[in-house]
Amino acid sequence: MKKYWLGFFGSLLIGGCKKAPSEPLVARYQDKYLTRSEALRRLAVPPGADTSLLLRSYAVEWIKQQALADTAYRLLPNLRAQIETQVEEYRTRLLIAHLSRLLTETLQARFVLSDSVLLAQYQAQPEAFRALQAYYQYRWVKLPDSWLARREVFQYLSGP
């Protein structure tokens, strides 16, 4: 019987222990940890600034946010699934936007042509660069003096 009790308490002791974070902590809220490196990554620390003061104020704000989020999840349990869906959609849109920006920058760096190259191509083949239609369309219209007649003319000109 002693073996069973000893095994039971041993498993409680081993199972109840959590692995502590290996990095130095700035803040902790329940089972969430804010490490120093993560806080510095989120902060924009200007050169020569008091890092400890910035970390302390950021940690206080982080704890407040975690407490408010925890309270909101407890008070609004039905919204949790909706919020998680919105977060996942936002994460997807954010990844797509970053990928699009990266591809645009990469392609621009690879395929940007200088003005001199474009001018040389244009001068070598001017017929290839001619427009198929005129760029400007104009109408010469003399507007009548009355406002009603002017309105009718404007409606006619802006029509299909």
N, C-alpha and C. Protein backbone atom coordinates (compact mmCIF):
# COMPACT_ATOMS: atom_id res chain seq x y z
N MET A 1 0.81 -1.19 0.00
CA MET A 1 0.00 0.00 0.00
C MET A 1 0.86 1.26 0.00
N LYS A 2 2.00 1.17 0.73
CA LYS A 2 2.89 2.33 0.77
C LYS A 2 3.46 2.62 -0.61
N LYS A 3 3.68 1.57 -1.39
CA LYS A 3 4.22 1.76 -2.74
C LYS A 3 3.25 2.56 -3.59
N TYR A 4 1.95 2.25 -3.43
CA TYR A 4 0.95 2.97 -4.23
C TYR A 4 0.87 4.44 -3.85
N TRP A 5 0.89 4.70 -2.54
CA TRP A 5 0.85 6.10 -2.08
C TRP A 5 2.10 6.84 -2.52
N LEU A 6 3.21 6.21 -2.41
CA LEU A 6 4.46 6.83 -2.83
C LEU A 6 4.46 7.11 -4.33
N GLY A 7 3.97 6.16 -5.11
CA GLY A 7 3.86 6.34 -6.56
C GLY A 7 2.87 7.44 -6.92
N PHE A 8 1.75 7.50 -6.17
CA PHE A 8 0.75 8.53 -6.43
C PHE A 8 1.30 9.93 -6.15
N PHE A 9 1.93 10.12 -5.01
CA PHE A 9 2.49 11.43 -4.67
C PHE A 9 3.67 11.79 -5.58
N GLY A 10 4.43 10.81 -5.96
CA GLY A 10 5.54 11.06 -6.89
C GLY A 10 5.04 11.53 -8.24
N SER A 11 3.97 10.89 -8.73
CA SER A 11 3.42 11.32 -10.02
C SER A 11 2.79 12.70 -9.92
N LEU A 12 2.17 13.03 -8.78
CA LEU A 12 1.64 14.38 -8.59
C LEU A 12 2.75 15.42 -8.59
N LEU A 13 3.84 15.10 -7.94
CA LEU A 13 4.96 16.02 -7.86
C LEU A 13 5.58 16.25 -9.23
N ILE A 14 5.78 15.19 -9.98
CA ILE A 14 6.39 15.30 -11.30
C ILE A 14 5.42 15.91 -12.30
N GLY A 15 4.16 15.49 -12.27
CA GLY A 15 3.16 15.99 -13.21
C GLY A 15 2.76 17.43 -12.93
N GLY A 16 2.86 17.87 -11.70
CA GLY A 16 2.45 19.23 -11.34
C GLY A 16 3.50 20.27 -11.64
N CYS A 17 4.71 19.87 -11.88
CA CYS A 17 5.77 20.83 -12.16
C CYS A 17 5.74 21.23 -13.63
N LYS A 18 5.88 22.51 -13.86
CA LYS A 18 5.96 23.01 -15.23
C LYS A 18 7.38 23.47 -15.50
N LYS A 19 7.75 23.35 -16.73
CA LYS A 19 9.08 23.78 -17.13
C LYS A 19 9.15 25.31 -17.11
N ALA A 20 10.10 25.84 -16.40
CA ALA A 20 10.25 27.29 -16.33
C ALA A 20 10.91 27.79 -17.61
N PRO A 21 10.55 28.99 -18.04
CA PRO A 21 11.19 29.53 -19.25
C PRO A 21 12.68 29.72 -19.03
N SER A 22 13.44 29.47 -20.07
CA SER A 22 14.89 29.55 -19.95
C SER A 22 15.39 30.99 -20.03
N GLU A 23 14.60 31.90 -20.60
CA GLU A 23 15.02 33.29 -20.72
C GLU A 23 14.56 34.08 -19.50
N PRO A 24 15.18 35.23 -19.25
CA PRO A 24 14.73 36.05 -18.13
C PRO A 24 13.33 36.62 -18.39
N LEU A 25 12.49 36.57 -17.36
CA LEU A 25 11.11 37.01 -17.49
C LEU A 25 10.98 38.49 -17.13
N VAL A 26 10.09 39.16 -17.84
CA VAL A 26 9.75 40.54 -17.51
C VAL A 26 8.43 40.55 -16.76
N ALA A 27 7.48 39.69 -17.19
CA ALA A 27 6.18 39.63 -16.54
C ALA A 27 5.59 38.24 -16.70
N ARG A 28 4.63 37.95 -15.80
CA ARG A 28 3.92 36.68 -15.87
C ARG A 28 2.48 36.93 -15.47
N TYR A 29 1.57 36.38 -16.26
CA TYR A 29 0.15 36.44 -15.91
C TYR A 29 -0.40 35.02 -16.05
N GLN A 30 -0.80 34.44 -14.95
CA GLN A 30 -1.28 33.07 -14.87
C GLN A 30 -0.28 32.13 -15.56
N ASP A 31 -0.62 31.55 -16.70
CA ASP A 31 0.30 30.62 -17.36
C ASP A 31 0.97 31.24 -18.58
N LYS A 32 0.90 32.55 -18.72
CA LYS A 32 1.52 33.25 -19.85
C LYS A 32 2.73 34.02 -19.35
N TYR A 33 3.79 33.98 -20.15
CA TYR A 33 5.04 34.62 -19.76
C TYR A 33 5.45 35.63 -20.82
N LEU A 34 5.99 36.74 -20.37
CA LEU A 34 6.57 37.75 -21.26
C LEU A 34 8.07 37.77 -20.99
N THR A 35 8.83 37.31 -21.95
CA THR A 35 10.28 37.28 -21.78
C THR A 35 10.88 38.62 -22.18
N ARG A 36 12.09 38.83 -21.75
CA ARG A 36 12.79 40.08 -22.05
C ARG A 36 13.01 40.24 -23.56
N SER A 37 13.40 39.17 -24.23
CA SER A 37 13.66 39.27 -25.67
C SER A 37 12.38 39.57 -26.45
N GLU A 38 11.26 38.96 -26.03
CA GLU A 38 10.00 39.21 -26.71
C GLU A 38 9.54 40.65 -26.48
N ALA A 39 9.70 41.15 -25.27
CA ALA A 39 9.31 42.53 -24.99
C ALA A 39 10.17 43.52 -25.77
N LEU A 40 11.47 43.26 -25.85
CA LEU A 40 12.34 44.15 -26.62
C LEU A 40 12.04 44.09 -28.11
N ARG A 41 11.61 42.93 -28.59
CA ARG A 41 11.25 42.80 -30.00
C ARG A 41 9.99 43.62 -30.31
N ARG A 42 9.07 43.69 -29.35
CA ARG A 42 7.84 44.44 -29.57
C ARG A 42 8.02 45.95 -29.36
N LEU A 43 8.99 46.32 -28.57
CA LEU A 43 9.23 47.74 -28.28
C LEU A 43 10.19 48.34 -29.29
N ALA A 44 10.01 49.60 -29.55
CA ALA A 44 10.97 50.35 -30.35
C ALA A 44 11.80 51.18 -29.37
N VAL A 45 12.94 50.65 -28.99
CA VAL A 45 13.77 51.30 -27.99
C VAL A 45 14.73 52.26 -28.68
N PRO A 46 14.59 53.56 -28.43
CA PRO A 46 15.53 54.51 -29.04
C PRO A 46 16.90 54.38 -28.40
N PRO A 47 17.95 54.69 -29.14
CA PRO A 47 19.29 54.60 -28.56
C PRO A 47 19.46 55.57 -27.39
N GLY A 48 20.06 55.07 -26.33
CA GLY A 48 20.30 55.90 -25.16
C GLY A 48 19.12 55.98 -24.22
N ALA A 49 18.05 55.23 -24.48
CA ALA A 49 16.86 55.28 -23.62
C ALA A 49 17.04 54.32 -22.44
N ASP A 50 16.27 54.56 -21.39
CA ASP A 50 16.30 53.71 -20.21
C ASP A 50 15.49 52.44 -20.50
N THR A 51 16.17 51.36 -20.80
CA THR A 51 15.51 50.13 -21.20
C THR A 51 14.70 49.54 -20.06
N SER A 52 15.22 49.60 -18.85
CA SER A 52 14.50 48.99 -17.73
C SER A 52 13.18 49.71 -17.47
N LEU A 53 13.16 51.03 -17.61
CA LEU A 53 11.92 51.78 -17.42
C LEU A 53 10.91 51.45 -18.52
N LEU A 54 11.38 51.35 -19.76
CA LEU A 54 10.49 50.99 -20.86
C LEU A 54 9.95 49.58 -20.68
N LEU A 55 10.80 48.65 -20.27
CA LEU A 55 10.36 47.27 -20.05
C LEU A 55 9.34 47.19 -18.92
N ARG A 56 9.57 47.95 -17.86
CA ARG A 56 8.66 47.93 -16.73
C ARG A 56 7.28 48.46 -17.13
N SER A 57 7.25 49.59 -17.85
CA SER A 57 5.96 50.15 -18.26
C SER A 57 5.27 49.24 -19.27
N TYR A 58 6.04 48.63 -20.17
CA TYR A 58 5.44 47.70 -21.13
C TYR A 58 4.88 46.47 -20.42
N ALA A 59 5.60 45.98 -19.42
CA ALA A 59 5.15 44.80 -18.68
C ALA A 59 3.84 45.09 -17.94
N VAL A 60 3.73 46.28 -17.36
CA VAL A 60 2.49 46.64 -16.66
C VAL A 60 1.32 46.68 -17.65
N GLU A 61 1.54 47.29 -18.80
CA GLU A 61 0.49 47.34 -19.83
C GLU A 61 0.15 45.94 -20.35
N TRP A 62 1.15 45.10 -20.50
CA TRP A 62 0.93 43.73 -20.98
C TRP A 62 0.08 42.95 -19.98
N ILE A 63 0.37 43.10 -18.70
CA ILE A 63 -0.40 42.40 -17.66
C ILE A 63 -1.84 42.91 -17.65
N LYS A 64 -2.03 44.23 -17.80
CA LYS A 64 -3.39 44.78 -17.85
C LYS A 64 -4.16 44.21 -19.04
N GLN A 65 -3.50 44.13 -20.19
CA GLN A 65 -4.16 43.59 -21.38
C GLN A 65 -4.52 42.12 -21.19
N GLN A 66 -3.62 41.35 -20.60
CA GLN A 66 -3.90 39.94 -20.37
C GLN A 66 -5.07 39.77 -19.41
N ALA A 67 -5.11 40.60 -18.35
CA ALA A 67 -6.20 40.52 -17.38
C ALA A 67 -7.53 40.91 -18.03
N LEU A 68 -7.52 41.96 -18.85
CA LEU A 68 -8.75 42.37 -19.54
C LEU A 68 -9.22 41.30 -20.52
N ALA A 69 -8.29 40.71 -21.25
CA ALA A 69 -8.66 39.65 -22.19
C ALA A 69 -9.22 38.44 -21.45
N ASP A 70 -8.61 38.09 -20.33
CA ASP A 70 -9.09 36.96 -19.54
C ASP A 70 -10.49 37.24 -19.00
N THR A 71 -10.71 38.46 -18.52
CA THR A 71 -12.03 38.85 -18.02
C THR A 71 -13.06 38.82 -19.14
N ALA A 72 -12.68 39.32 -20.31
CA ALA A 72 -13.61 39.33 -21.45
C ALA A 72 -13.96 37.90 -21.86
N TYR A 73 -13.00 37.01 -21.87
CA TYR A 73 -13.28 35.62 -22.23
C TYR A 73 -14.20 34.95 -21.20
N ARG A 74 -14.03 35.32 -19.93
CA ARG A 74 -14.91 34.75 -18.91
C ARG A 74 -16.32 35.31 -19.00
N LEU A 75 -16.44 36.62 -19.26
CA LEU A 75 -17.76 37.25 -19.31
C LEU A 75 -18.50 36.99 -20.61
N LEU A 76 -17.76 36.77 -21.68
CA LEU A 76 -18.37 36.57 -23.01
C LEU A 76 -17.92 35.24 -23.61
N PRO A 77 -18.31 34.12 -23.02
CA PRO A 77 -17.81 32.84 -23.54
C PRO A 77 -18.33 32.51 -24.93
N ASN A 78 -19.48 33.05 -25.32
CA ASN A 78 -20.03 32.74 -26.63
C ASN A 78 -19.24 33.40 -27.76
N LEU A 79 -18.53 34.47 -27.46
CA LEU A 79 -17.79 35.18 -28.50
C LEU A 79 -16.42 34.59 -28.77
N ARG A 80 -15.99 33.66 -27.95
CA ARG A 80 -14.63 33.12 -28.10
C ARG A 80 -14.40 32.51 -29.48
N ALA A 81 -15.33 31.70 -29.96
CA ALA A 81 -15.16 31.06 -31.27
C ALA A 81 -15.15 32.10 -32.38
N GLN A 82 -16.02 33.11 -32.27
CA GLN A 82 -16.06 34.17 -33.28
C GLN A 82 -14.76 34.96 -33.28
N ILE A 83 -14.24 35.25 -32.11
CA ILE A 83 -12.99 36.01 -32.02
C ILE A 83 -11.83 35.20 -32.58
N GLU A 84 -11.79 33.91 -32.26
CA GLU A 84 -10.72 33.06 -32.79
C GLU A 84 -10.79 33.00 -34.32
N THR A 85 -11.99 32.95 -34.88
CA THR A 85 -12.15 32.95 -36.33
C THR A 85 -11.64 34.25 -36.93
N GLN A 86 -12.01 35.37 -36.31
CA GLN A 86 -11.55 36.67 -36.80
C GLN A 86 -10.04 36.80 -36.72
N VAL A 87 -9.45 36.29 -35.65
CA VAL A 87 -7.99 36.34 -35.50
C VAL A 87 -7.32 35.52 -36.59
N GLU A 88 -7.87 34.35 -36.87
CA GLU A 88 -7.29 33.50 -37.92
C GLU A 88 -7.41 34.15 -39.29
N GLU A 89 -8.57 34.79 -39.57
CA GLU A 89 -8.73 35.49 -40.84
C GLU A 89 -7.76 36.66 -40.95
N TYR A 90 -7.60 37.40 -39.85
CA TYR A 90 -6.66 38.53 -39.86
C TYR A 90 -5.23 38.04 -40.07
N ARG A 91 -4.88 36.94 -39.43
CA ARG A 91 -3.54 36.38 -39.59
C ARG A 91 -3.29 36.00 -41.04
N THR A 92 -4.29 35.40 -41.68
CA THR A 92 -4.17 35.01 -43.08
C THR A 92 -4.01 36.23 -43.98
N ARG A 93 -4.86 37.26 -43.77
CA ARG A 93 -4.75 38.48 -44.58
C ARG A 93 -3.41 39.17 -44.37
N LEU A 94 -2.92 39.16 -43.14
CA LEU A 94 -1.64 39.79 -42.85
C LEU A 94 -0.50 39.06 -43.56
N LEU A 95 -0.52 37.74 -43.54
CA LEU A 95 0.50 36.96 -44.24
C LEU A 95 0.46 37.21 -45.74
N ILE A 96 -0.74 37.26 -46.30
CA ILE A 96 -0.88 37.51 -47.74
C ILE A 96 -0.37 38.90 -48.09
N ALA A 97 -0.67 39.89 -47.25
CA ALA A 97 -0.21 41.26 -47.51
C ALA A 97 1.31 41.34 -47.46
N HIS A 98 1.92 40.67 -46.48
CA HIS A 98 3.38 40.68 -46.39
C HIS A 98 4.02 39.97 -47.58
N LEU A 99 3.43 38.85 -47.99
CA LEU A 99 3.96 38.13 -49.15
C LEU A 99 3.82 38.98 -50.41
N SER A 100 2.69 39.63 -50.56
CA SER A 100 2.47 40.49 -51.73
C SER A 100 3.48 41.63 -51.76
N ARG A 101 3.70 42.25 -50.61
CA ARG A 101 4.68 43.35 -50.54
C ARG A 101 6.08 42.85 -50.86
N LEU A 102 6.44 41.69 -50.34
CA LEU A 102 7.76 41.12 -50.59
C LEU A 102 7.94 40.80 -52.07
N LEU A 103 6.92 40.19 -52.68
CA LEU A 103 7.01 39.87 -54.10
C LEU A 103 7.08 41.14 -54.96
N THR A 104 6.31 42.14 -54.59
CA THR A 104 6.33 43.40 -55.34
C THR A 104 7.70 44.05 -55.27
N GLU A 105 8.27 44.09 -54.07
CA GLU A 105 9.60 44.69 -53.92
C GLU A 105 10.65 43.89 -54.70
N THR A 106 10.55 42.57 -54.65
CA THR A 106 11.51 41.73 -55.36
C THR A 106 11.40 41.92 -56.86
N LEU A 107 10.17 41.92 -57.36
CA LEU A 107 9.98 42.08 -58.81
C LEU A 107 10.36 43.47 -59.27
N GLN A 108 10.09 44.49 -58.47
CA GLN A 108 10.47 45.84 -58.86
C GLN A 108 11.98 45.97 -58.94
N ALA A 109 12.66 45.37 -57.98
CA ALA A 109 14.12 45.45 -57.99
C ALA A 109 14.70 44.72 -59.20
N ARG A 110 14.01 43.68 -59.65
CA ARG A 110 14.53 42.88 -60.75
C ARG A 110 14.17 43.46 -62.12
N PHE A 111 12.99 44.04 -62.25
CA PHE A 111 12.50 44.42 -63.57
C PHE A 111 12.30 45.91 -63.79
N VAL A 112 12.86 46.76 -62.98
CA VAL A 112 12.72 48.20 -63.20
C VAL A 112 13.66 48.62 -64.32
N LEU A 113 13.11 49.33 -65.29
CA LEU A 113 13.89 49.81 -66.43
C LEU A 113 14.13 51.29 -66.27
N SER A 114 15.32 51.72 -66.60
CA SER A 114 15.64 53.14 -66.49
C SER A 114 14.99 53.90 -67.64
N ASP A 115 14.91 55.21 -67.49
CA ASP A 115 14.31 56.06 -68.53
C ASP A 115 15.11 56.02 -69.82
N SER A 116 16.42 55.93 -69.70
CA SER A 116 17.25 55.91 -70.91
C SER A 116 17.00 54.64 -71.73
N VAL A 117 16.81 53.50 -71.06
CA VAL A 117 16.53 52.25 -71.76
C VAL A 117 15.17 52.34 -72.46
N LEU A 118 14.17 52.87 -71.77
CA LEU A 118 12.85 53.01 -72.38
C LEU A 118 12.89 53.97 -73.56
N LEU A 119 13.62 55.07 -73.42
CA LEU A 119 13.72 56.04 -74.51
C LEU A 119 14.41 55.42 -75.72
N ALA A 120 15.45 54.64 -75.49
CA ALA A 120 16.15 53.98 -76.59
C ALA A 120 15.22 52.99 -77.31
N GLN A 121 14.43 52.24 -76.55
CA GLN A 121 13.48 51.31 -77.16
C GLN A 121 12.42 52.06 -77.96
N TYR A 122 11.95 53.17 -77.42
CA TYR A 122 10.93 53.95 -78.12
C TYR A 122 11.48 54.53 -79.41
N GLN A 123 12.69 55.04 -79.36
CA GLN A 123 13.28 55.64 -80.56
C GLN A 123 13.62 54.58 -81.60
N ALA A 124 13.93 53.37 -81.17
CA ALA A 124 14.25 52.30 -82.12
C ALA A 124 12.99 51.78 -82.82
N GLN A 125 11.86 51.79 -82.14
CA GLN A 125 10.62 51.26 -82.72
C GLN A 125 9.45 52.19 -82.43
N PRO A 126 9.39 53.35 -83.04
CA PRO A 126 8.31 54.29 -82.72
C PRO A 126 6.93 53.78 -83.13
N GLU A 127 6.85 52.97 -84.17
CA GLU A 127 5.56 52.47 -84.63
C GLU A 127 4.93 51.50 -83.61
N ALA A 128 5.77 50.78 -82.88
CA ALA A 128 5.25 49.83 -81.90
C ALA A 128 4.62 50.53 -80.70
N PHE A 129 4.98 51.79 -80.49
CA PHE A 129 4.49 52.51 -79.32
C PHE A 129 3.34 53.47 -79.65
N ARG A 130 2.86 53.43 -80.87
CA ARG A 130 1.75 54.31 -81.23
C ARG A 130 0.48 53.84 -80.54
N ALA A 131 -0.33 54.79 -80.14
CA ALA A 131 -1.60 54.47 -79.50
C ALA A 131 -2.60 54.03 -80.56
N LEU A 132 -3.45 53.11 -80.19
CA LEU A 132 -4.47 52.63 -81.11
C LEU A 132 -5.64 53.61 -81.21
N GLN A 133 -5.85 54.39 -80.17
CA GLN A 133 -6.91 55.39 -80.15
C GLN A 133 -6.32 56.72 -79.70
N ALA A 134 -7.06 57.77 -79.98
CA ALA A 134 -6.62 59.08 -79.50
C ALA A 134 -6.80 59.13 -77.98
N TYR A 135 -5.91 59.83 -77.34
CA TYR A 135 -5.99 59.91 -75.89
C TYR A 135 -7.09 60.86 -75.43
N TYR A 136 -7.34 61.91 -76.18
CA TYR A 136 -8.28 62.93 -75.75
C TYR A 136 -9.47 62.95 -76.69
N GLN A 137 -10.62 63.15 -76.11
CA GLN A 137 -11.83 63.41 -76.88
C GLN A 137 -12.34 64.76 -76.42
N TYR A 138 -12.73 65.56 -77.33
CA TYR A 138 -13.23 66.87 -76.95
C TYR A 138 -14.46 67.19 -77.77
N ARG A 139 -15.27 68.06 -77.18
CA ARG A 139 -16.47 68.55 -77.85
C ARG A 139 -16.53 70.05 -77.63
N TRP A 140 -16.87 70.72 -78.67
CA TRP A 140 -17.03 72.17 -78.57
C TRP A 140 -18.51 72.43 -78.38
N VAL A 141 -18.83 72.97 -77.22
CA VAL A 141 -20.23 73.20 -76.89
C VAL A 141 -20.38 74.62 -76.38
N LYS A 142 -21.36 75.31 -76.92
CA LYS A 142 -21.69 76.63 -76.40
C LYS A 142 -22.87 76.45 -75.46
N LEU A 143 -22.66 76.82 -74.21
CA LEU A 143 -23.69 76.61 -73.21
C LEU A 143 -24.74 77.72 -73.28
N PRO A 144 -26.00 77.34 -73.16
CA PRO A 144 -27.05 78.36 -73.16
C PRO A 144 -27.03 79.17 -71.87
N ASP A 145 -27.75 80.26 -71.87
CA ASP A 145 -27.76 81.16 -70.71
C ASP A 145 -28.62 80.63 -69.57
N SER A 146 -29.68 79.92 -69.86
CA SER A 146 -30.57 79.48 -68.78
C SER A 146 -29.99 78.23 -68.09
N TRP A 147 -30.27 78.14 -66.79
CA TRP A 147 -29.75 77.02 -66.00
C TRP A 147 -30.41 75.70 -66.39
N LEU A 148 -31.67 75.75 -66.74
CA LEU A 148 -32.36 74.52 -67.14
C LEU A 148 -31.76 73.95 -68.41
N ALA A 149 -31.50 74.81 -69.36
CA ALA A 149 -30.92 74.34 -70.61
C ALA A 149 -29.50 73.82 -70.39
N ARG A 150 -28.75 74.48 -69.52
CA ARG A 150 -27.39 74.01 -69.21
C ARG A 150 -27.43 72.62 -68.59
N ARG A 151 -28.38 72.43 -67.68
CA ARG A 151 -28.50 71.13 -67.02
C ARG A 151 -28.81 70.04 -68.04
N GLU A 152 -29.66 70.33 -68.99
CA GLU A 152 -29.97 69.35 -70.02
C GLU A 152 -28.75 69.03 -70.87
N VAL A 153 -27.94 70.05 -71.18
CA VAL A 153 -26.72 69.83 -71.97
C VAL A 153 -25.75 68.96 -71.19
N PHE A 154 -25.56 69.25 -69.90
CA PHE A 154 -24.65 68.45 -69.08
C PHE A 154 -25.12 67.00 -68.97
N GLN A 155 -26.43 66.81 -68.83
CA GLN A 155 -26.96 65.45 -68.76
C GLN A 155 -26.73 64.72 -70.08
N TYR A 156 -26.90 65.41 -71.17
CA TYR A 156 -26.68 64.79 -72.47
C TYR A 156 -25.21 64.41 -72.66
N LEU A 157 -24.30 65.33 -72.25
CA LEU A 157 -22.87 65.07 -72.43
C LEU A 157 -22.36 63.96 -71.51
N SER A 158 -22.93 63.85 -70.32
CA SER A 158 -22.44 62.83 -69.39
C SER A 158 -23.14 61.49 -69.58
N GLY A 159 -24.12 61.44 -70.45
CA GLY A 159 -24.86 60.20 -70.69
C GLY A 159 -24.02 59.18 -71.44
N PRO A 160 -24.61 58.01 -71.70
CA PRO A 160 -23.87 56.92 -72.35
C PRO A 160 -23.49 57.16 -73.76
